[in-house]
Protein backbone atom coordinates (compact mmCIF):
# COMPACT_ATOMS: atom_id res chain seq x y z
CA MET A 1 24.38 -22.32 19.55
CA LEU A 2 24.63 -24.25 16.11
CA GLN A 3 27.16 -21.80 14.29
CA ARG A 4 29.57 -22.42 17.75
CA ALA A 5 29.20 -26.04 17.60
CA ASP A 6 29.60 -26.22 13.43
CA LYS A 7 34.07 -26.20 13.84
CA ASP A 8 34.35 -26.07 10.41
CA LYS A 9 31.99 -23.67 9.41
CA ASP A 10 30.54 -25.66 6.46
CA ASN A 11 26.84 -25.27 7.89
CA ARG A 12 26.58 -28.55 7.96
CA MET A 13 26.68 -30.86 11.05
CA CYS A 14 28.63 -34.03 11.48
CA PHE A 15 27.61 -36.28 14.53
CA GLN A 16 30.56 -35.02 16.39
CA GLU A 17 29.51 -31.50 15.91
CA VAL A 18 26.03 -32.22 17.17
CA GLN A 19 27.14 -33.57 20.39
CA ILE A 20 29.36 -30.37 21.21
CA MET A 21 25.76 -28.79 20.38
CA LEU A 22 23.98 -30.80 22.88
CA ARG A 23 26.35 -30.13 25.37
CA MET A 24 26.47 -26.35 25.03
CA ALA A 25 22.76 -26.73 25.38
CA ASN A 26 22.57 -28.62 29.02
CA ILE A 27 21.12 -31.68 27.24
CA HIS A 28 23.08 -35.06 27.98
CA MET A 29 21.79 -37.67 25.97
CA ASP A 30 22.70 -41.50 25.63
CA ASN A 31 25.36 -41.62 22.74
CA ALA A 32 23.18 -44.60 20.74
CA TYR A 33 20.32 -42.82 21.10
CA ALA A 34 21.22 -39.66 20.05
CA HIS A 35 23.19 -41.23 16.82
CA GLN A 36 19.75 -43.27 16.11
CA LEU A 37 18.26 -40.15 16.14
CA PHE A 38 20.77 -38.24 14.15
CA LYS A 39 20.71 -41.08 11.16
CA GLU A 40 16.95 -40.83 11.11
CA CYS A 41 17.35 -37.23 10.13
CA ASP A 42 20.03 -37.74 7.76
CA HIS A 43 17.69 -38.24 4.86
CA SER A 44 21.13 -37.74 2.76
CA GLY A 45 23.02 -40.44 4.05
CA ASP A 46 26.07 -37.94 3.83
CA GLY A 47 26.83 -38.16 7.73
CA ARG A 48 26.35 -34.51 8.16
CA LEU A 49 22.84 -32.73 8.65
CA GLU A 50 21.77 -29.36 6.65
CA ASP A 51 18.92 -27.11 6.39
CA ARG A 52 15.95 -29.38 6.86
CA GLU A 53 17.66 -32.23 8.04
CA LEU A 54 18.79 -30.29 11.17
CA GLU A 55 15.45 -28.48 11.53
CA ASP A 56 13.89 -31.97 12.05
CA PHE A 57 16.67 -33.08 14.33
CA CYS A 58 15.99 -29.99 16.54
CA ARG A 59 12.27 -30.47 16.27
CA ARG A 60 12.22 -34.20 17.59
CA LEU A 61 14.59 -33.09 20.14
CA LEU A 62 12.31 -30.36 21.57
CA ARG A 63 9.63 -32.76 21.95
CA ARG A 64 7.23 -32.36 24.98
CA PRO A 65 6.04 -36.08 25.57
CA GLU A 66 3.90 -34.32 28.64
CA LEU A 67 2.16 -31.79 26.17
CA GLU A 68 1.57 -34.69 23.83
CA GLU A 69 -0.15 -36.72 26.53
CA LEU A 70 -2.14 -33.87 27.33
CA PHE A 71 -2.87 -32.56 24.08
CA GLY A 72 -4.06 -35.86 22.88
CA HIS A 73 -6.59 -36.54 26.13
CA TYR A 74 -8.31 -33.54 24.68
CA SER A 75 -8.21 -33.90 20.77
CA GLY A 76 -8.86 -37.62 20.46
CA GLU A 77 -7.56 -39.32 17.00
CA ASP A 78 -7.72 -36.58 14.78
CA CYS A 79 -4.52 -34.66 16.68
CA VAL A 80 -6.01 -31.03 16.81
CA LEU A 81 -8.06 -29.37 18.93
CA SER A 82 -11.55 -28.04 17.91
CA ALA A 83 -12.42 -24.83 19.48
CA GLU A 84 -15.11 -26.92 21.74
CA GLU A 85 -12.13 -29.23 22.92
CA LEU A 86 -10.12 -26.39 23.88
CA ARG A 87 -13.16 -24.44 26.08
CA ASP A 88 -13.12 -28.13 27.89
CA PHE A 89 -9.45 -27.62 28.88
CA LEU A 90 -9.57 -24.33 29.82
CA GLN A 91 -13.07 -25.22 32.28
CA ASP A 92 -10.60 -27.98 33.50
CA GLN A 93 -8.28 -25.55 34.11
CA GLY A 94 -10.96 -23.92 36.59
CA GLU A 95 -11.19 -20.55 34.05
CA GLU A 96 -14.32 -19.63 32.91
CA GLY A 97 -13.91 -21.05 29.75
CA THR A 98 -16.53 -20.20 26.51
CA LEU A 99 -16.33 -20.65 23.03
CA GLN A 100 -15.37 -17.37 22.10
CA GLN A 101 -12.24 -17.16 24.27
CA ALA A 102 -11.07 -20.48 23.32
CA CYS A 103 -11.48 -19.00 19.58
CA ALA A 104 -9.56 -15.84 20.21
CA ILE A 105 -6.92 -18.32 22.09
CA ILE A 106 -6.29 -20.17 19.11
CA CYS A 107 -6.45 -17.08 16.96
CA ALA A 108 -3.55 -15.35 18.79
CA HIS A 109 -1.42 -18.53 19.36
CA GLU A 110 -1.98 -21.05 16.51
CA LEU A 111 1.04 -21.08 14.27
CA ASN A 112 -0.62 -22.46 11.39
CA GLU A 113 -2.55 -20.42 9.24
CA LYS A 114 -4.94 -22.77 7.64
CA ALA A 115 -5.78 -24.33 11.15
CA ARG A 116 -6.28 -20.91 12.66
CA GLN A 117 -8.72 -19.92 9.85
CA GLN A 118 -10.54 -23.06 11.08
CA ASP A 119 -10.55 -22.58 14.68
CA LEU A 120 -8.38 -25.35 15.41
CA MET A 121 -5.27 -25.47 17.30
CA THR A 122 -2.23 -27.74 16.58
CA LEU A 123 0.17 -29.28 19.02
CA ASP A 124 2.57 -26.39 18.31
CA GLY A 125 -0.38 -23.75 18.80
CA PHE A 126 -0.95 -25.86 22.08
CA THR A 127 2.61 -25.65 23.43
CA MET A 128 2.71 -21.51 22.34
CA TYR A 129 -0.39 -21.15 24.33
CA LEU A 130 0.89 -22.98 27.55
CA LEU A 131 4.36 -21.26 27.49
CA SER A 132 2.26 -17.61 27.00
CA PRO A 133 1.77 -15.16 30.10
CA ALA A 134 -2.00 -17.12 29.65
CA GLY A 135 -0.52 -20.06 30.33
CA ASP A 136 1.75 -18.71 33.24
CA ILE A 137 1.26 -20.10 36.88
CA LEU A 138 0.97 -16.26 38.03
CA ASN A 139 -2.92 -15.09 37.54
CA GLN A 140 -2.37 -12.18 35.08
CA GLU A 141 -5.33 -10.39 35.95
CA HIS A 142 -2.93 -9.93 39.13
CA THR A 143 0.09 -8.16 36.74
CA GLN A 144 -2.23 -5.16 37.27
CA VAL A 145 -3.00 -3.08 40.46
CA HIS A 146 -6.32 -5.26 41.07
CA GLN A 147 -6.70 -4.49 44.94
CA ASP A 148 -8.64 -1.72 47.06
CA MET A 149 -6.16 1.01 46.95
CA SER A 150 -8.75 3.23 48.88
CA GLN A 151 -8.17 1.96 52.55
CA PRO A 152 -5.50 3.96 55.13
CA LEU A 153 -1.78 3.28 54.64
CA CYS A 154 -1.87 1.18 57.89
CA HIS A 155 -3.91 -1.58 55.76
CA TYR A 156 -1.26 -1.96 53.14
CA PHE A 157 1.83 -4.22 53.30
CA ILE A 158 4.84 -1.70 51.85
CA SER A 159 7.66 -2.33 49.77
CA SER A 160 10.73 -1.08 51.95
CA SER A 161 14.57 -0.76 51.34
CA HIS A 162 17.27 -0.81 54.18
CA ASN A 163 20.62 1.17 53.37
CA THR A 164 19.15 1.86 50.28
CA TYR A 165 22.08 3.93 48.72
CA LEU A 166 24.34 1.09 49.12
CA THR A 167 25.44 -1.58 45.76
CA ARG A 168 27.47 -3.96 48.33
CA ASN A 169 28.01 -4.42 52.18
CA GLN A 170 27.39 -1.98 54.98
CA ILE A 171 31.28 -1.16 55.47
CA GLY A 172 32.69 -0.68 52.46
CA GLY A 173 30.60 -0.76 49.68
CA THR A 174 29.67 1.83 47.28
CA SER A 175 26.93 4.50 47.33
CA SER A 176 25.32 5.25 44.40
CA THR A 177 22.23 7.35 43.01
CA GLU A 178 21.40 4.36 40.88
CA ALA A 179 20.94 2.19 43.71
CA TYR A 180 17.98 4.12 44.24
CA VAL A 181 16.88 4.10 40.50
CA ARG A 182 16.86 0.34 41.33
CA ALA A 183 14.73 -0.02 44.25
CA LEU A 184 12.06 2.47 42.82
CA MET A 185 12.08 0.46 39.66
CA MET A 186 12.11 -2.71 41.65
CA GLY A 187 8.53 -1.53 43.15
CA CYS A 188 9.88 -0.18 46.52
CA ARG A 189 8.20 2.54 48.03
CA CYS A 190 9.94 3.08 51.21
CA VAL A 191 13.61 4.60 50.68
CA GLU A 192 15.96 5.30 53.16
CA LEU A 193 18.58 7.95 53.28
CA ASP A 194 21.18 8.39 55.95
CA CYS A 195 21.86 11.80 56.06
CA TRP A 196 25.22 13.19 57.48
CA GLU A 197 27.09 16.85 57.57
CA GLY A 198 29.12 17.25 53.90
CA PRO A 199 31.53 19.61 53.43
CA ASP A 200 31.19 22.84 52.16
CA GLY A 201 27.20 23.14 53.53
CA GLU A 202 26.10 20.14 51.59
CA PRO A 203 24.47 17.11 53.03
CA ILE A 204 25.68 13.88 52.13
CA ILE A 205 24.32 10.54 52.45
CA CYS A 206 26.41 7.26 53.36
CA HIS A 207 26.50 4.69 56.00
CA GLY A 208 28.28 6.79 58.75
CA HIS A 209 31.09 5.57 60.87
CA THR A 210 31.77 3.08 57.88
CA PHE A 211 34.03 3.11 54.21
CA THR A 212 31.22 3.33 52.29
CA SER A 213 31.63 6.03 49.81
CA LYS A 214 29.56 9.04 49.88
CA ILE A 215 26.89 10.65 47.35
CA LEU A 216 25.31 14.17 47.65
CA PHE A 217 21.70 14.09 49.38
CA ARG A 218 20.69 16.65 46.54
CA ASP A 219 21.95 14.10 43.92
CA VAL A 220 19.71 11.49 45.65
CA ILE A 221 16.97 13.50 45.35
CA GLU A 222 16.92 14.05 41.91
CA ALA A 223 17.02 10.67 41.44
CA ILE A 224 14.12 10.20 43.22
CA ARG A 225 12.11 12.94 41.75
CA ASP A 226 13.05 11.46 38.14
CA TYR A 227 12.36 7.69 38.90
CA ALA A 228 9.89 7.85 41.94
CA PHE A 229 6.87 7.18 39.93
CA LYS A 230 7.94 5.34 36.54
CA ARG A 231 7.00 1.63 37.95
CA SER A 232 4.24 3.16 40.37
CA PRO A 233 1.99 5.58 40.55
CA TYR A 234 1.40 5.33 44.09
CA PRO A 235 3.27 7.32 47.04
CA VAL A 236 6.97 7.31 48.24
CA ILE A 237 8.14 7.37 51.50
CA LEU A 238 11.58 9.42 52.00
CA SER A 239 12.51 7.50 55.94
CA LEU A 240 14.81 10.10 56.81
CA GLU A 241 18.20 8.87 59.28
CA ASN A 242 19.12 12.03 60.32
CA HIS A 243 22.83 13.06 61.60
CA CYS A 244 22.91 16.70 60.34
CA GLY A 245 22.95 19.68 62.13
CA VAL A 246 20.63 22.47 61.90
CA GLU A 247 21.87 24.41 59.40
CA GLN A 248 22.56 21.36 56.94
CA GLN A 249 19.17 20.21 57.97
CA ALA A 250 17.60 23.52 55.90
CA THR A 251 19.71 22.81 53.51
CA MET A 252 18.33 19.19 52.90
CA ALA A 253 14.65 20.97 53.38
CA ARG A 254 14.99 23.59 50.61
CA HIS A 255 16.49 20.73 48.34
CA MET A 256 13.35 18.71 48.52
CA LYS A 257 11.30 21.40 48.25
CA ALA A 258 13.20 22.79 45.09
CA ILE A 259 13.65 19.65 43.15
CA LEU A 260 10.37 17.99 44.32
CA GLY A 261 8.09 21.12 44.13
CA ASP A 262 4.59 19.62 43.94
CA MET A 263 5.20 15.70 44.45
CA LEU A 264 6.47 16.78 47.78
CA LEU A 265 3.39 16.67 51.00
CA THR A 266 3.80 19.30 53.65
CA GLN A 267 0.68 19.61 54.59
CA PRO A 268 -2.20 16.73 55.25
CA LEU A 269 -4.81 16.52 52.79
CA GLU A 270 -7.94 18.75 52.62
CA GLY A 271 -10.67 17.19 54.57
CA GLN A 272 -9.01 14.11 55.46
CA ASP A 273 -10.09 13.04 58.98
CA PRO A 274 -7.23 13.27 61.48
CA SER A 275 -7.69 10.07 63.17
CA VAL A 276 -7.40 7.97 59.76
CA LEU A 277 -4.44 8.02 57.74
CA PRO A 278 -5.19 8.44 54.17
CA SER A 279 -4.71 5.72 51.25
CA PRO A 280 -2.66 5.01 48.72
CA GLU A 281 -5.11 6.20 46.41
CA GLN A 282 -5.33 9.79 47.90
CA LEU A 283 -1.84 9.94 48.07
CA LYS A 284 -1.17 9.05 44.22
CA GLY A 285 2.30 10.85 42.70
CA LYS A 286 3.29 12.27 46.56
CA VAL A 287 6.37 11.81 48.16
CA LEU A 288 6.34 11.71 51.98
CA VAL A 289 8.87 12.56 54.59
CA LYS A 290 9.58 10.40 57.47
CA GLY A 291 11.30 12.07 60.48
CA LYS A 292 11.27 13.82 63.39
CA LYS A 293 8.46 16.61 63.74
CA LEU A 294 8.75 19.44 66.39
CA PRO A 295 6.15 19.54 69.06
CA GLU A 296 3.92 22.24 68.22
CA LEU A 297 3.69 25.54 69.91
CA GLN A 298 6.91 24.86 71.50
CA HIS A 299 9.76 27.34 70.43
CA GLU A 300 13.22 27.40 71.76
CA PRO A 301 15.74 30.47 70.74
CA CYS A 302 16.89 30.47 67.01
CA GLY A 303 13.74 28.70 66.33
CA VAL A 304 14.98 25.17 67.26
CA THR A 305 13.34 22.56 69.22
CA SER A 306 15.30 19.55 70.94
CA ILE A 307 14.12 16.21 70.41
CA LEU A 308 13.63 15.22 74.64
CA ASP A 309 13.67 11.63 74.04
CA GLU A 310 16.79 10.02 73.68
CA GLU A 311 16.12 6.46 72.81
CA GLU A 312 14.29 6.80 69.94
CA GLU A 313 14.73 3.91 67.52
CA GLU A 314 16.46 5.54 64.93
CA GLU A 315 18.86 6.13 68.00
CA THR A 316 19.00 2.44 68.67
CA GLU A 317 19.67 1.70 65.44
CA GLU A 318 22.61 3.94 65.40
CA GLU A 319 23.99 1.98 68.49
CA ASP A 320 23.75 -1.30 66.84
CA ARG A 321 25.70 0.39 64.01
CA LEU A 322 28.41 1.80 66.70
CA GLN A 323 28.86 -2.04 67.96
CA VAL A 324 30.37 -2.46 64.22
CA VAL A 325 32.71 0.70 64.75
CA SER A 326 33.49 -0.92 68.04
CA PHE A 327 34.71 -4.04 66.09
CA TRP A 328 36.33 -2.41 63.14
CA GLY A 329 38.09 -0.02 65.79
CA GLY A 330 38.30 3.73 65.24
CA LEU A 331 36.42 4.74 62.16
CA HIS A 332 36.18 8.27 60.85
CA HIS A 333 33.40 9.98 62.68
CA LEU A 334 31.09 11.69 59.99
CA GLY A 335 29.95 15.39 61.25
CA GLY A 336 26.72 15.27 63.33
CA LYS A 337 26.56 18.44 65.69
CA ASP A 338 23.37 19.35 66.78
CA ALA A 339 21.76 16.30 65.22
CA SER A 340 19.50 15.65 68.57
CA ARG A 341 17.96 19.08 67.07
CA VAL A 342 15.53 19.33 64.33
CA ALA A 343 15.26 22.21 62.34
CA PRO A 344 11.47 23.72 61.71
CA GLU A 345 12.18 23.95 57.95
CA LEU A 346 12.46 19.81 57.82
CA SER A 347 9.97 19.86 60.56
CA ALA A 348 7.24 21.05 58.74
CA MET A 349 7.72 18.23 55.85
CA VAL A 350 6.84 15.92 58.03
CA VAL A 351 2.82 15.20 57.90
CA TYR A 352 1.82 11.75 57.94
CA CYS A 353 5.26 9.68 58.90
CA GLN A 354 5.90 11.48 61.90
CA ALA A 355 9.16 9.47 63.57
CA THR A 356 8.43 8.67 67.44
CA PRO A 357 9.86 6.38 70.01
CA PHE A 358 7.63 3.50 70.54
CA PRO A 359 5.62 3.90 74.22
CA GLY A 360 4.78 0.84 74.38
CA LEU A 361 1.65 -1.28 73.57
CA ALA A 362 -0.39 -0.12 76.24
CA GLN A 363 0.06 3.23 75.78
CA ALA A 364 -0.03 2.81 72.22
CA LEU A 365 -3.10 1.43 71.83
CA GLN A 366 -4.94 3.58 74.69
CA HIS A 367 -3.94 6.77 72.94
CA PRO A 368 -3.62 6.10 69.13
CA ARG A 369 -1.46 8.41 66.73
CA PRO A 370 -1.96 7.45 63.42
CA TYR A 371 0.36 9.73 62.25
CA GLU A 372 3.10 8.73 64.31
CA MET A 373 5.68 5.81 63.34
CA SER A 374 7.66 3.66 65.02
CA SER A 375 10.84 1.82 63.64
CA PHE A 376 11.98 -1.46 65.48
CA SER A 377 14.83 -3.65 64.92
CA GLU A 378 14.45 -7.10 63.74
CA ARG A 379 15.07 -8.10 67.36
CA LYS A 380 12.81 -5.75 68.98
CA ALA A 381 10.34 -6.87 66.52
CA ARG A 382 10.53 -10.95 67.04
CA LYS A 383 10.55 -9.84 71.02
CA LEU A 384 7.13 -8.14 70.66
CA ILE A 385 5.83 -10.76 68.53
CA LYS A 386 6.46 -13.52 70.60
CA GLU A 387 5.20 -12.06 73.73
CA ALA A 388 2.39 -10.02 72.78
CA GLY A 389 2.01 -11.31 68.92
CA PRO A 390 -2.43 -10.45 69.01
CA THR A 391 -1.45 -7.22 71.02
CA PHE A 392 0.76 -6.54 68.19
CA VAL A 393 -1.14 -7.47 65.71
CA HIS A 394 -3.94 -5.02 67.06
CA TYR A 395 -1.45 -1.96 67.06
CA THR A 396 -0.23 -2.52 63.32
CA SER A 397 -3.87 -2.25 62.24
CA ARG A 398 -3.96 1.16 63.59
CA GLN A 399 -0.18 2.81 62.79
CA LEU A 400 2.47 2.57 60.22
CA SER A 401 5.15 0.48 61.72
CA ARG A 402 9.18 -0.30 60.38
CA VAL A 403 11.02 -2.67 61.15
CA TYR A 404 14.67 -3.00 59.68
CA PRO A 405 17.78 -5.13 60.08
CA LEU A 406 20.11 -5.43 62.77
CA GLY A 407 22.89 -3.01 62.35
CA LEU A 408 25.51 -5.62 62.92
CA LYS A 409 25.33 -7.41 59.98
CA MET A 410 28.53 -6.21 58.05
CA THR A 411 27.88 -8.43 54.93
CA SER A 412 24.27 -6.84 54.85
CA SER A 413 22.24 -10.03 55.06
CA ASN A 414 18.86 -9.77 55.32
CA TYR A 415 16.01 -11.29 57.74
CA ASN A 416 13.20 -13.29 56.92
CA PRO A 417 10.47 -10.94 56.49
CA GLN A 418 7.31 -13.07 56.43
CA GLU A 419 7.41 -13.13 60.26
CA MET A 420 7.02 -9.39 60.57
CA TRP A 421 4.41 -10.01 57.77
CA ASN A 422 2.29 -12.44 59.87
CA ALA A 423 2.41 -9.69 62.47
CA GLY A 424 0.95 -6.77 60.34
CA CYS A 425 4.37 -5.11 60.29
CA GLN A 426 3.69 -2.78 56.94
CA LEU A 427 7.23 -1.36 55.87
CA VAL A 428 9.42 -4.34 56.69
CA ALA A 429 12.67 -3.07 55.37
CA LEU A 430 15.14 -5.29 53.35
CA ASN A 431 18.45 -4.88 52.01
CA PHE A 432 17.98 -4.75 48.43
CA GLN A 433 21.60 -4.92 47.43
CA THR A 434 21.61 -8.58 48.78
CA PRO A 435 20.10 -11.70 46.92
CA GLY A 436 18.71 -13.96 48.74
CA TYR A 437 15.70 -15.87 49.66
CA GLU A 438 14.48 -13.25 51.58
CA MET A 439 14.59 -10.73 48.52
CA ASP A 440 12.91 -13.37 46.58
CA LEU A 441 9.70 -13.59 49.28
CA ASN A 442 10.04 -9.74 49.03
CA THR A 443 9.99 -9.91 45.27
CA GLY A 444 7.04 -12.43 45.86
CA ARG A 445 5.02 -10.62 48.04
CA PHE A 446 4.55 -7.67 46.18
CA LEU A 447 4.14 -9.40 42.80
CA GLY A 448 0.28 -9.88 42.99
CA ASN A 449 -0.88 -6.07 42.72
CA GLY A 450 0.83 -4.96 39.74
CA GLY A 451 3.87 -4.68 41.48
CA CYS A 452 3.20 -1.32 42.31
CA GLY A 453 4.73 -1.81 46.05
CA TYR A 454 1.46 -1.84 47.92
CA VAL A 455 -0.36 -5.10 48.75
CA LEU A 456 -3.83 -4.74 51.07
CA LYS A 457 -3.31 -6.90 54.38
CA PRO A 458 -5.63 -9.80 54.81
CA GLN A 459 -9.00 -8.97 56.38
CA PHE A 460 -7.74 -10.49 59.56
CA LEU A 461 -4.66 -8.30 60.18
CA ARG A 462 -6.72 -5.04 59.45
CA SER A 463 -9.38 -5.73 61.75
CA PRO A 464 -8.02 -8.17 64.18
CA HIS A 465 -11.69 -9.57 65.59
CA SER A 466 -12.78 -10.38 62.02
CA GLY A 467 -13.62 -13.67 61.13
CA SER A 468 -10.90 -17.00 61.37
CA PRO A 469 -9.04 -17.73 57.98
CA ARG A 470 -9.97 -20.80 56.12
CA PRO A 471 -7.64 -23.97 55.63
CA LEU A 472 -6.91 -25.13 52.53
CA VAL A 473 -4.88 -28.29 50.83
CA LEU A 474 -2.59 -27.31 48.12
CA ARG A 475 -0.65 -29.84 45.80
CA ILE A 476 1.35 -29.56 43.34
CA ARG A 477 2.72 -32.18 40.91
CA VAL A 478 5.62 -31.41 39.83
CA ILE A 479 5.88 -32.30 35.70
CA THR A 480 8.95 -31.44 33.86
CA ALA A 481 11.21 -29.01 33.53
CA GLN A 482 12.70 -27.29 30.24
CA GLN A 483 16.11 -25.82 29.30
CA LEU A 484 17.60 -25.64 32.64
CA PRO A 485 20.68 -23.25 32.28
CA LYS A 486 24.41 -24.78 32.57
CA LEU A 487 25.83 -23.79 35.95
CA ASN A 488 29.73 -24.37 34.42
CA ARG A 489 29.51 -23.21 30.94
CA GLU A 490 33.01 -23.43 30.36
CA LYS A 491 32.91 -27.23 30.80
CA LEU A 492 31.13 -28.62 28.55
CA SER A 493 30.78 -31.90 30.25
CA SER A 494 28.83 -30.19 33.19
CA ILE A 495 25.61 -31.29 33.05
CA VAL A 496 23.03 -30.31 36.02
CA ASP A 497 21.05 -33.06 38.10
CA PRO A 498 18.05 -31.40 39.18
CA PHE A 499 15.66 -31.47 41.79
CA VAL A 500 12.63 -28.90 42.22
CA ARG A 501 12.28 -28.04 46.05
CA VAL A 502 8.67 -26.34 46.98
CA GLU A 503 8.72 -24.42 49.79
CA ILE A 504 6.01 -22.36 52.02
CA TYR A 505 6.32 -19.39 53.94
CA GLY A 506 3.64 -18.34 56.05
CA VAL A 507 2.48 -18.46 59.79
CA THR A 508 4.60 -20.96 61.66
CA ALA A 509 2.10 -23.88 61.03
CA ASP A 510 2.44 -23.91 57.60
CA CYS A 511 6.08 -23.58 57.06
CA SER A 512 7.33 -26.34 55.31
CA LYS A 513 9.63 -27.84 51.87
CA GLN A 514 9.07 -30.98 50.30
CA GLN A 515 11.28 -32.13 47.40
CA THR A 516 11.40 -34.32 44.36
CA ALA A 517 14.10 -36.91 43.61
CA TYR A 518 17.11 -35.81 41.43
CA ARG A 519 17.16 -36.70 37.42
CA SER A 520 20.70 -37.43 36.39
CA ASN A 521 22.39 -35.82 33.78
CA ASN A 522 19.36 -33.67 32.51
CA GLY A 523 19.21 -30.07 32.42
CA PHE A 524 17.13 -30.17 28.96
CA ASN A 525 13.80 -32.18 29.60
CA PRO A 526 14.24 -33.56 33.27
CA ARG A 527 10.47 -35.48 33.94
CA TRP A 528 9.56 -36.12 37.65
CA GLU A 529 5.77 -36.80 37.83
CA GLU A 530 5.96 -36.30 41.62
CA THR A 531 3.11 -34.65 43.62
CA LEU A 532 3.81 -32.73 46.77
CA THR A 533 1.02 -32.03 48.87
CA PHE A 534 0.59 -29.05 51.95
CA GLN A 535 -1.86 -28.24 54.78
CA LEU A 536 -2.02 -24.67 54.85
CA GLN A 537 -3.92 -23.04 57.96
CA VAL A 538 -3.74 -19.46 57.11
CA PRO A 539 -3.39 -19.24 53.02
CA GLU A 540 -4.14 -15.50 52.89
CA LEU A 541 -0.35 -14.98 54.12
CA ALA A 542 1.38 -17.89 52.28
CA LEU A 543 4.22 -17.65 50.01
CA VAL A 544 5.02 -20.71 47.47
CA ARG A 545 8.45 -20.55 46.31
CA PHE A 546 9.58 -23.04 43.49
CA VAL A 547 13.49 -23.96 44.21
CA VAL A 548 15.16 -25.56 41.40
CA GLU A 549 18.78 -27.23 42.88
CA ASP A 550 21.81 -29.32 41.05
CA HIS A 551 21.86 -32.36 43.38
CA ASP A 552 25.52 -33.09 44.75
CA SER A 553 26.08 -35.96 46.76
CA THR A 554 29.88 -34.73 47.88
CA SER A 555 29.18 -30.64 48.58
CA CYS A 556 26.34 -28.42 48.68
CA ASN A 557 23.40 -28.22 46.00
CA ASP A 558 23.84 -25.43 43.53
CA PHE A 559 21.28 -23.11 42.90
CA VAL A 560 19.97 -23.56 39.72
CA GLY A 561 16.75 -20.73 39.57
CA GLN A 562 13.91 -20.06 41.37
CA PHE A 563 10.28 -18.17 41.59
CA THR A 564 8.32 -16.85 44.60
CA LEU A 565 4.54 -16.09 44.29
CA PRO A 566 1.44 -15.37 46.58
CA LEU A 567 -0.81 -18.27 47.23
CA GLY A 568 -3.64 -16.23 46.20
CA SER A 569 -2.23 -14.97 43.23
CA MET A 570 -1.38 -18.61 41.89
CA ARG A 571 -3.62 -20.05 38.98
CA GLU A 572 -4.72 -23.87 39.09
CA GLY A 573 -4.37 -26.39 36.45
CA TYR A 574 -1.58 -26.85 34.19
CA ARG A 575 0.91 -24.03 34.75
CA HIS A 576 4.26 -23.05 33.55
CA ILE A 577 6.80 -21.65 36.26
CA HIS A 578 9.40 -19.35 34.08
CA LEU A 579 12.16 -19.11 36.80
CA LEU A 580 14.60 -16.47 37.88
CA SER A 581 18.05 -16.40 38.74
CA LYS A 582 19.56 -15.30 42.14
CA ASP A 583 19.31 -11.50 41.49
CA GLY A 584 15.92 -11.68 40.26
CA ALA A 585 16.79 -12.13 36.48
CA SER A 586 14.88 -13.81 34.16
CA LEU A 587 16.59 -17.33 32.86
CA SER A 588 14.31 -17.65 30.02
CA PRO A 589 13.85 -19.91 28.36
CA ALA A 590 13.86 -22.34 31.49
CA THR A 591 10.73 -23.20 32.72
CA LEU A 592 8.99 -25.60 35.13
CA PHE A 593 5.54 -27.37 34.06
CA VAL A 594 3.67 -27.94 37.23
CA HIS A 595 -0.21 -28.81 37.81
CA VAL A 596 -1.46 -26.91 40.84
CA THR A 597 -4.76 -27.79 42.82
CA CYS A 598 -6.15 -25.77 45.92
CA ARG A 599 -9.08 -27.38 47.79
CA CYS A 600 -10.58 -27.04 51.07
CA PRO A 601 -9.82 -29.96 53.10
């Protein structure tokens, strides 16, 4: 920025050039104050800043008064923190602060070598510490797998993608193997493959009856082989929506066996109790196929059996899509001959995720079959939750369930996944290619167990007769923000008027939003000092979303950045929040600085 603002390239900055630099950095500063600061740093008195003068100007500019106040509270008059004083700060933060831990922090973060040697911390070191992962609002222990991974699959929320092959919308978007790579590298553990008849005997993947491009099934399986376990070692589920005839189904089976090899699970685990699903730990490094399973001991000519129930959820999903077709009119119909029949080669690969029509809650609970799983449209899932919530929770505590977006959503928009998680649904499938608060929630939900794609459900969703959750009062003091990005980089005079909104997503009683006032023309170091208070009845399910927006009195507020995390992974005390963009990319160095307390009422 300094180089770009130095119009005459003389490596010295006049006041006008400094003003340009400030606007580039989203700093709107009173001209008189900026000029006074400029003159204080212009030690040579020649009306230009260079070398140390410029460094002095930037240092004064980057002052964090709120950190100076906090540092002064613990350091006293000598303006350095001793290891004992830092230990006191750590204990006030709710951490197990020891003298040894304080010395280790000084050694890791103090910039001044002389201070470091004496186990002392300066303001610069304190600032570096609070901006490091050690000062992050996310509990760093939760960036690793820390939950019990030895429980049945149905006891976990599982990160799941819908229409995984799409890079844009589901009507005319591009299909790509890169979309699978992106989802898997985001920790997704259940990907969808819409399989259709392709030319030359090769099955293809695309969104049927639409203008989406097509990719080879074989290429997708190769991408899954290469990336399935780079982000997480826990099992990947291939959710097959099968529209192929029996010959190309057999080709699909051959491709999976040849490409995935030992990764592909084709037999039940030896010694596994058939009445209980295996655990993520037992299935590490394995790829599971979700699809239709032939009834045992039943044969038809040519070794092919019909699927008897025509109301299976996968076909309901297809009905949703056909309504889209009627809207667009006369779209090309892809293959699908004999698609109601299953080739034995493909059936043999389905073990723990046997796609089956939902028999109704009464029958499912009376005759539980843990290896069977049903899919529900978001509409049907909502209906079940509304009409038989506790019974549905009982069902999801014993069997896997998958929820998918309505096919009528031509822009591939998403639904709020929280209401499905509240009912214990494991595979809540979202369009990963569509940014928005729904995907922010999904990212936040799976942030808390090392991003491995599996999160253990709360005890009351695993065992419906367990004790009730304990309520909490959450208080968040929004203190400051730092270096928020400019929204209009082409217009130098464009400075944000930021405010912070804190959103709680959880059970219906806990869902709420509160926000601060906005600060005019200050995206660099706005200060609020406002406390937002939330009463939470079921904290184990709560997600906390921090959103920064640019206030606009005449139109919709513009999104600046956000960060979402589970309440259980949020640390108390003074914490920085490193903001993310709409599509989940880092907005470094943009941060919020807050103080968090969480107490029983």
